[in-house]
Amino acid sequence: MRGEALLVRPEGPVPYDLANDAMHRLAERRLAGEIPDVVILLEHPPVFTGGRRARPDELLWSPDELAARGAEVHRIDRGGAFTFHGPGQLVGYPILDLGPKPDAAAHLRRMEEAVIRASEDLGVALRRREDVQTGVWHGDDKVCAIGVRLLRARVTVHGFAVNCDPDLAWFDGIVACGLPGHGVTSLSRLAERPVTVAEVAPLLERHLADVFDLEFVPAPDGIAAALRPVAV
């Protein structure tokens, strides 16, 4: 029997600081056993996030240029280096209790598998590149970045970001994922047609449910309200 998980799917962009705060509060509630697992799927306004390995010189745009472009920068508690989130990118935050003997590597592989399967549904063949870095790739170009943290070595926070049809020029502002010899691409570019977040989201929901053995139910209003989108 599949475990129950609350699904939160805002219909517009959610500011990063609001989502990050809500994600951590929900993880603490999951640790306390107050709520079941939660999966959040959303978009953000333009933001660069730097994980624990992010170096200052990997942020290539000046503060003035970032401000002129309307992008925020946040240092956060996940692993990894700098990445970009913004419109046209589907970001997922699985908040899952991995149990008393958590397998973080298996958690990463399951997220990769869900993205690979959803891409196959769109006619796009992607793969892992464990010889390079966690994530989902087409050749030397990354389509999906992944970075996580386990709270108290048990409950997951942060997650993955799938490039559906974002403006890839945003990635010029960083050394993406700390890999100067590699690039980024999108499902739209690979499929040679527009592939929107709205098209990818239901596919990814289905495959996330399969790989994590979950049954999604809508989140209660009190949880969904903490992730209300904003107009941009």
Protein backbone atom coordinates (compact mmCIF):
# COMPACT_ATOMS: atom_id res chain seq x y z
CA MET A 1 0.00 0.00 0.00
CA ARG A 2 1.36 3.39 -0.96
CA GLY A 3 2.13 5.98 1.67
CA GLU A 4 0.10 9.18 1.68
CA ALA A 5 1.77 12.45 0.74
CA LEU A 6 0.38 15.97 0.60
CA LEU A 7 0.82 17.65 -2.79
CA VAL A 8 1.24 21.43 -2.93
CA ARG A 9 1.13 22.91 -6.44
CA PRO A 10 0.83 26.73 -6.50
CA GLU A 11 -0.30 28.07 -9.86
CA GLY A 12 2.09 31.02 -9.99
CA PRO A 13 5.61 31.98 -8.95
CA VAL A 14 6.36 31.84 -5.22
CA PRO A 15 9.14 34.03 -3.74
CA TYR A 16 12.13 31.94 -2.77
CA ASP A 17 12.43 33.11 0.83
CA LEU A 18 8.75 32.36 1.44
CA ALA A 19 9.04 28.85 -0.04
CA ASN A 20 12.31 28.11 1.77
CA ASP A 21 10.82 29.12 5.11
CA ALA A 22 7.63 27.10 4.50
CA MET A 23 9.65 24.05 3.41
CA HIS A 24 11.73 24.06 6.60
CA ARG A 25 8.68 24.56 8.83
CA LEU A 26 6.92 21.65 7.13
CA ALA A 27 10.03 19.49 7.55
CA GLU A 28 10.07 20.20 11.27
CA ARG A 29 6.41 19.20 11.45
CA ARG A 30 7.20 16.02 9.51
CA LEU A 31 9.97 15.22 11.99
CA ALA A 32 7.49 15.69 14.82
CA GLY A 33 5.01 13.32 13.14
CA GLU A 34 2.38 16.05 12.84
CA ILE A 35 1.94 15.68 9.07
CA PRO A 36 2.63 13.03 6.40
CA ASP A 37 5.20 13.44 3.65
CA VAL A 38 4.82 16.55 1.49
CA VAL A 39 5.83 17.25 -2.12
CA ILE A 40 5.89 20.86 -3.32
CA LEU A 41 6.00 21.64 -7.05
CA LEU A 42 6.29 25.30 -8.02
CA GLU A 43 8.01 28.07 -9.93
CA HIS A 44 10.06 30.93 -8.47
CA PRO A 45 10.67 34.49 -9.61
CA PRO A 46 14.30 34.86 -10.78
CA VAL A 47 16.69 33.84 -8.00
CA PHE A 48 20.19 32.45 -7.66
CA THR A 49 20.76 30.06 -4.77
CA GLY A 50 24.15 29.01 -3.45
CA GLY A 51 24.61 25.79 -1.52
CA ARG A 52 27.32 24.92 0.96
CA ARG A 53 29.99 24.47 -1.76
CA ALA A 54 29.18 27.71 -3.64
CA ARG A 55 32.19 30.01 -4.03
CA PRO A 56 31.77 33.79 -4.32
CA ASP A 57 33.65 33.89 -7.63
CA GLU A 58 31.07 31.53 -9.16
CA LEU A 59 28.50 34.35 -9.03
CA LEU A 60 29.51 36.22 -12.19
CA TRP A 61 27.19 39.24 -12.17
CA SER A 62 27.78 42.24 -9.93
CA PRO A 63 25.22 43.31 -7.30
CA ASP A 64 24.21 46.23 -9.54
CA GLU A 65 23.64 43.93 -12.52
CA LEU A 66 21.66 41.48 -10.41
CA ALA A 67 19.48 44.31 -9.13
CA ALA A 68 18.97 45.70 -12.64
CA ARG A 69 17.85 42.28 -13.84
CA GLY A 70 15.51 41.80 -10.86
CA ALA A 71 17.23 38.69 -9.50
CA GLU A 72 17.71 37.79 -5.84
CA VAL A 73 20.62 35.82 -4.36
CA HIS A 74 20.22 33.46 -1.41
CA ARG A 75 22.79 31.40 0.43
CA ILE A 76 21.07 28.23 1.62
CA ASP A 77 21.68 25.03 3.55
CA ARG A 78 21.55 22.43 0.77
CA GLY A 79 24.58 20.79 -0.76
CA GLY A 80 26.07 21.94 -4.02
CA ALA A 81 27.09 25.22 -5.64
CA PHE A 82 25.13 27.99 -7.37
CA THR A 83 22.07 27.36 -9.48
CA PHE A 84 19.25 29.45 -10.94
CA HIS A 85 15.51 29.21 -10.40
CA GLY A 86 12.96 31.17 -12.37
CA PRO A 87 9.89 31.18 -14.60
CA GLY A 88 9.77 28.24 -16.97
CA GLN A 89 11.52 25.96 -14.51
CA LEU A 90 9.66 23.36 -12.45
CA VAL A 91 11.13 23.16 -8.95
CA GLY A 92 10.31 20.26 -6.64
CA TYR A 93 10.77 20.05 -2.88
CA PRO A 94 10.06 16.53 -1.57
CA ILE A 95 9.78 16.64 2.22
CA LEU A 96 10.06 12.94 2.99
CA ASP A 97 10.81 10.95 6.12
CA LEU A 98 13.48 8.45 5.02
CA GLY A 99 13.22 6.49 8.26
CA PRO A 100 15.77 5.52 10.91
CA LYS A 101 18.26 4.18 8.31
CA PRO A 102 18.07 6.81 5.57
CA ASP A 103 19.66 6.20 2.18
CA ALA A 104 20.40 9.66 0.83
CA ALA A 105 21.93 8.31 -2.39
CA ALA A 106 18.79 6.29 -3.14
CA HIS A 107 16.73 9.45 -2.57
CA LEU A 108 18.78 11.30 -5.18
CA ARG A 109 18.51 8.42 -7.66
CA ARG A 110 14.71 8.34 -7.28
CA MET A 111 14.40 12.04 -8.08
CA GLU A 112 16.62 11.57 -11.13
CA GLU A 113 14.53 8.57 -12.22
CA ALA A 114 11.27 10.51 -12.01
CA VAL A 115 12.68 13.29 -14.20
CA ILE A 116 14.12 10.82 -16.71
CA ARG A 117 10.76 9.03 -17.01
CA ALA A 118 8.82 12.29 -17.41
CA SER A 119 11.25 13.38 -20.13
CA GLU A 120 10.78 10.09 -21.94
CA ASP A 121 7.03 10.79 -22.01
CA LEU A 122 7.91 13.97 -23.91
CA GLY A 123 10.15 12.15 -26.36
CA VAL A 124 13.37 13.46 -24.80
CA ALA A 125 16.06 10.98 -23.77
CA LEU A 126 18.05 12.07 -20.70
CA ARG A 127 20.44 10.24 -18.42
CA ARG A 128 22.45 10.36 -15.23
CA ARG A 129 26.08 11.49 -15.22
CA GLU A 130 27.37 10.08 -11.95
CA ASP A 131 30.87 10.44 -13.38
CA VAL A 132 30.33 14.21 -13.24
CA GLN A 133 27.63 15.16 -10.73
CA THR A 134 24.17 14.32 -9.46
CA GLY A 135 21.39 15.50 -11.76
CA VAL A 136 19.85 14.71 -15.13
CA TRP A 137 21.76 15.40 -18.32
CA HIS A 138 21.77 15.50 -22.10
CA GLY A 139 25.39 15.01 -23.07
CA ASP A 140 27.43 17.66 -21.26
CA ASP A 141 24.40 19.88 -20.63
CA LYS A 142 22.38 19.65 -17.44
CA VAL A 143 18.58 19.71 -17.67
CA CYS A 144 17.80 19.07 -14.00
CA ALA A 145 19.88 20.19 -11.02
CA ILE A 146 19.51 18.39 -7.69
CA GLY A 147 20.61 19.39 -4.20
CA VAL A 148 19.31 18.23 -0.84
CA ARG A 149 19.80 18.24 2.90
CA LEU A 150 18.58 15.78 5.52
CA LEU A 151 17.25 17.38 8.69
CA ARG A 152 18.44 15.40 11.70
CA ALA A 153 19.71 12.82 9.19
CA ARG A 154 16.14 11.78 8.41
CA VAL A 155 13.74 14.23 6.67
CA THR A 156 14.62 15.65 3.26
CA VAL A 157 14.52 19.30 2.27
CA HIS A 158 15.32 21.07 -1.02
CA GLY A 159 15.18 18.91 -4.15
CA PHE A 160 15.32 19.35 -7.93
CA ALA A 161 14.84 21.95 -10.66
CA VAL A 162 13.83 20.93 -14.20
CA ASN A 163 14.44 23.35 -17.05
CA CYS A 164 11.21 23.23 -19.04
CA ASP A 165 11.28 26.49 -21.02
CA PRO A 166 13.23 29.05 -18.97
CA ASP A 167 15.31 31.85 -20.41
CA LEU A 168 18.67 30.05 -20.35
CA ALA A 169 20.53 33.37 -20.51
CA TRP A 170 20.02 33.59 -16.74
CA PHE A 171 22.62 30.88 -16.33
CA ASP A 172 25.23 33.26 -17.75
CA GLY A 173 25.23 34.89 -14.31
CA ILE A 174 26.79 31.89 -12.55
CA VAL A 175 29.14 28.98 -12.95
CA ALA A 176 26.19 26.60 -12.88
CA CYS A 177 26.57 23.86 -10.28
CA GLY A 178 30.27 24.73 -10.01
CA LEU A 179 31.02 23.08 -13.36
CA PRO A 180 32.72 25.56 -15.74
CA GLY A 181 33.23 22.91 -18.44
CA HIS A 182 29.55 21.99 -18.71
CA GLY A 183 26.43 23.75 -19.89
CA VAL A 184 22.70 23.81 -19.31
CA THR A 185 19.80 23.17 -21.63
CA SER A 186 16.04 22.75 -21.48
CA LEU A 187 13.36 20.29 -22.45
CA SER A 188 12.01 22.83 -24.93
CA ARG A 189 15.35 23.11 -26.70
CA LEU A 190 15.80 19.35 -26.83
CA ALA A 191 12.23 18.64 -27.96
CA GLU A 192 12.43 21.49 -30.50
CA ARG A 193 9.07 22.82 -29.36
CA PRO A 194 7.71 24.70 -26.33
CA VAL A 195 7.55 22.37 -23.32
CA THR A 196 5.86 24.26 -20.52
CA VAL A 197 5.83 23.76 -16.77
CA ALA A 198 2.08 23.10 -17.06
CA GLU A 199 2.79 20.19 -19.44
CA VAL A 200 5.60 18.69 -17.36
CA ALA A 201 4.03 18.99 -13.89
CA PRO A 202 1.38 16.24 -14.18
CA LEU A 203 3.90 13.87 -15.79
CA LEU A 204 6.36 14.46 -13.00
CA GLU A 205 3.68 14.11 -10.33
CA ARG A 206 2.85 10.64 -11.66
CA HIS A 207 6.45 9.48 -11.81
CA LEU A 208 7.34 10.92 -8.40
CA ALA A 209 4.41 8.98 -6.96
CA ASP A 210 5.67 5.81 -8.64
CA VAL A 211 9.35 6.03 -7.71
CA PHE A 212 8.65 7.06 -4.10
CA ASP A 213 5.62 4.73 -3.76
CA LEU A 214 3.33 7.58 -2.72
CA GLU A 215 -0.35 8.43 -3.11
CA PHE A 216 -0.76 12.18 -3.51
CA VAL A 217 -3.65 14.01 -1.85
CA PRO A 218 -4.26 17.78 -1.96
CA ALA A 219 -2.68 19.67 0.91
CA PRO A 220 -5.02 21.28 3.44
CA ASP A 221 -5.72 24.98 2.99
CA GLY A 222 -3.53 25.88 5.96
CA ILE A 223 -0.46 24.36 4.28
CA ALA A 224 -1.26 25.53 0.77
CA ALA A 225 -1.83 29.10 2.00
CA ALA A 226 1.79 29.33 3.17
CA LEU A 227 2.89 29.01 -0.47
CA ARG A 228 0.60 31.45 -2.20
CA PRO A 229 2.01 32.71 -5.52
CA VAL A 230 2.62 36.40 -6.20
CA ALA A 231 2.04 38.48 -9.29
CA VAL A 232 5.14 39.26 -11.36
